[in-house]
Protein backbone atom coordinates (compact mmCIF):
# COMPACT_ATOMS: atom_id res chain seq x y z
CA MET A 1 15.55 -1.14 -2.21
CA GLU A 2 12.88 0.54 -4.32
CA LYS A 3 9.23 0.54 -3.28
CA VAL A 4 6.99 -1.11 -5.86
CA SER A 5 3.29 -0.93 -6.56
CA LEU A 6 0.55 -1.52 -9.11
CA ILE A 7 -1.11 1.35 -10.90
CA PHE A 8 -4.37 0.88 -12.81
CA PHE A 9 -5.27 3.36 -15.52
CA LYS A 10 -9.05 2.97 -15.33
CA LYS A 11 -9.72 4.88 -18.55
CA ASP A 12 -7.88 2.20 -20.52
CA CYS A 13 -9.62 -0.80 -18.93
CA MET A 14 -12.02 -2.58 -21.28
CA GLY A 15 -13.34 -5.02 -18.68
CA CYS A 16 -11.90 -8.19 -20.19
CA HIS A 17 -11.11 -9.69 -16.74
CA ALA A 18 -7.83 -11.17 -18.02
CA CYS A 19 -6.12 -9.80 -14.89
CA GLU A 20 -8.58 -11.64 -12.63
CA ILE A 21 -8.06 -14.92 -14.46
CA ALA A 22 -4.25 -14.60 -14.49
CA CYS A 23 -4.26 -13.84 -10.77
CA LYS A 24 -6.51 -16.80 -9.94
CA GLN A 25 -4.28 -19.11 -11.99
CA GLU A 26 -1.05 -17.76 -10.50
CA HIS A 27 -2.30 -18.20 -6.94
CA GLY A 28 -4.27 -21.41 -7.49
CA LEU A 29 -7.53 -19.82 -6.35
CA GLY A 30 -10.75 -21.71 -6.83
CA VAL A 31 -14.26 -20.35 -6.96
CA GLY A 32 -14.77 -17.39 -4.66
CA PRO A 33 -11.79 -15.23 -3.80
CA ARG A 34 -10.51 -12.78 -6.40
CA LEU A 35 -7.43 -10.80 -5.42
CA VAL A 36 -7.98 -8.47 -8.36
CA ARG A 37 -11.55 -7.65 -9.33
CA VAL A 38 -12.89 -5.55 -12.16
CA LEU A 39 -16.37 -4.23 -11.51
CA GLU A 40 -18.60 -2.66 -14.12
CA HIS A 41 -19.51 0.86 -13.05
CA GLY A 42 -21.83 2.28 -15.71
CA PRO A 43 -19.89 2.47 -18.97
CA ASP A 44 -16.61 2.35 -17.05
CA PHE A 45 -14.78 -0.32 -15.13
CA LYS A 46 -13.54 -0.04 -11.57
CA PRO A 47 -10.56 -2.16 -10.54
CA ILE A 48 -10.49 -3.39 -6.95
CA TYR A 49 -7.04 -4.35 -5.75
CA CYS A 50 -4.66 -3.96 -2.83
CA HIS A 51 -2.90 -0.60 -2.85
CA HIS A 52 -0.22 -1.71 -0.38
CA CYS A 53 -1.03 1.46 1.55
CA ALA A 54 1.78 3.46 3.13
CA LYS A 55 -0.20 3.41 6.40
CA ALA A 56 -2.04 0.14 5.81
CA PRO A 57 -5.16 -0.10 8.01
CA CYS A 58 -5.09 -3.90 7.68
CA ILE A 59 -1.72 -4.03 9.45
CA GLU A 60 -3.07 -1.91 12.29
CA ALA A 61 -6.25 -4.00 12.57
CA CYS A 62 -4.60 -7.41 12.78
CA PRO A 63 -4.55 -8.58 16.42
CA GLU A 64 -1.96 -11.30 15.66
CA ASN A 65 0.55 -9.20 13.68
CA ALA A 66 0.01 -11.60 10.78
CA ILE A 67 0.18 -8.73 8.28
CA THR A 68 3.53 -7.09 7.63
CA ARG A 69 5.31 -4.98 5.02
CA ASN A 70 8.53 -6.05 3.32
CA ALA A 71 11.42 -3.80 2.25
CA GLN A 72 9.77 -3.13 -1.12
CA GLY A 73 6.60 -1.88 0.55
CA ILE A 74 4.58 -4.99 -0.26
CA VAL A 75 1.96 -5.77 2.38
CA LEU A 76 1.98 -9.50 3.09
CA ILE A 77 -0.19 -11.88 5.15
CA SER A 78 1.28 -14.84 7.00
CA SER A 79 -1.24 -17.65 6.58
CA GLU A 80 0.39 -19.42 9.53
CA ALA A 81 -0.17 -16.47 11.87
CA CYS A 82 -3.63 -15.44 10.60
CA ILE A 83 -6.43 -16.59 12.93
CA GLY A 84 -9.25 -15.77 10.51
CA CYS A 85 -10.82 -13.00 12.60
CA LYS A 86 -11.54 -10.88 9.48
CA GLU A 87 -10.60 -7.61 11.23
CA CYS A 88 -8.36 -6.76 8.26
CA LEU A 89 -11.26 -7.21 5.83
CA GLU A 90 -13.26 -4.65 7.77
CA ALA A 91 -10.31 -2.25 7.94
CA CYS A 92 -9.44 -2.23 4.23
CA PRO A 93 -10.80 0.95 2.59
CA PHE A 94 -10.57 -0.63 -0.87
CA SER A 95 -12.35 -3.94 -0.13
CA ALA A 96 -9.23 -5.64 -1.42
CA MET A 97 -8.90 -8.18 1.38
CA GLN A 98 -10.59 -11.52 0.76
CA PHE A 99 -11.28 -14.50 2.95
CA ASP A 100 -10.35 -18.02 1.92
CA GLU A 101 -13.09 -20.13 3.50
CA ASP A 102 -11.20 -23.38 2.84
CA ALA A 103 -8.03 -22.19 4.58
CA GLY A 104 -9.84 -20.04 7.14
CA THR A 105 -7.46 -17.13 6.54
CA ALA A 106 -7.41 -13.69 4.99
CA ILE A 107 -5.76 -13.37 1.59
CA LYS A 108 -4.86 -10.45 -0.67
CA CYS A 109 -2.68 -9.42 -3.57
CA ASP A 110 0.99 -9.91 -2.81
CA LEU A 111 2.11 -8.47 -6.17
CA CYS A 112 2.99 -12.05 -7.15
CA ILE A 113 6.00 -11.88 -4.85
CA GLU A 114 7.35 -15.24 -6.07
CA ARG A 115 7.33 -13.89 -9.64
CA LEU A 116 9.07 -10.68 -8.52
CA GLU A 117 11.78 -12.75 -6.81
CA ARG A 118 12.37 -14.48 -10.17
CA GLY A 119 12.60 -11.11 -11.95
CA GLU A 120 9.14 -11.45 -13.52
CA ALA A 121 6.26 -8.98 -13.48
CA PRO A 122 3.02 -9.63 -11.58
CA ALA A 123 0.69 -11.93 -13.55
CA CYS A 124 -2.08 -9.34 -13.90
CA SER A 125 0.21 -6.81 -15.58
CA THR A 126 1.62 -9.31 -18.07
CA VAL A 127 -1.76 -10.30 -19.52
CA CYS A 128 -3.52 -6.92 -19.73
CA PRO A 129 -4.22 -6.30 -23.43
CA THR A 130 -4.51 -2.53 -23.00
CA GLN A 131 -1.60 -2.28 -20.56
CA CYS A 132 -3.81 -0.38 -18.13
CA ILE A 133 -2.10 -2.28 -15.31
CA GLN A 134 1.43 -1.09 -14.74
CA TRP A 135 3.80 -2.05 -11.97
CA GLY A 136 7.14 -0.80 -10.84
CA ASP A 137 8.97 1.77 -8.74
CA THR A 138 6.40 3.86 -6.86
CA LYS A 139 8.46 7.07 -7.02
CA ALA A 140 8.83 6.73 -10.79
CA PHE A 141 5.04 6.41 -11.16
CA PHE A 142 4.39 9.59 -9.25
CA LYS A 143 7.10 11.43 -11.17
CA ARG A 144 5.54 10.36 -14.51
CA MET A 145 2.07 11.33 -13.29
CA ASP A 146 3.33 14.78 -12.20
CA GLU A 147 5.05 15.29 -15.55
CA SER A 148 1.95 14.26 -17.51
CA MET A 149 -0.19 16.77 -15.59
CA SER A 150 2.20 19.68 -16.21
């Protein structure tokens, strides 16, 4: 099974926040947590999102083994197993982990796994007007990036 991931092309981001809104709607998130965040950084925009790291520090940090990786490389949190200790939030180098105060558990981007299972793209990538959010086979991304730099 292919490994999948999101890639943000920061230079194309215009800071519209459509990805944030689509994500919040898809996951039914209220005020507070944002699994995708776009921060203004001078004249540029900096996307904050889960990179589904190959050696995910959040997995290592979780004392309850509530964070796992599936066959596609997607890092997932079990809300049933999470005890709300926030160790994963501290461990994440991208500040992508969030805490749902109402549920008392950690949450993060899951690449809209339910959408993927239906053959649909993650919500954030479908609404981006500049298509700066791409998703797909991780190896293909790196191959395209190598080719574009040659």
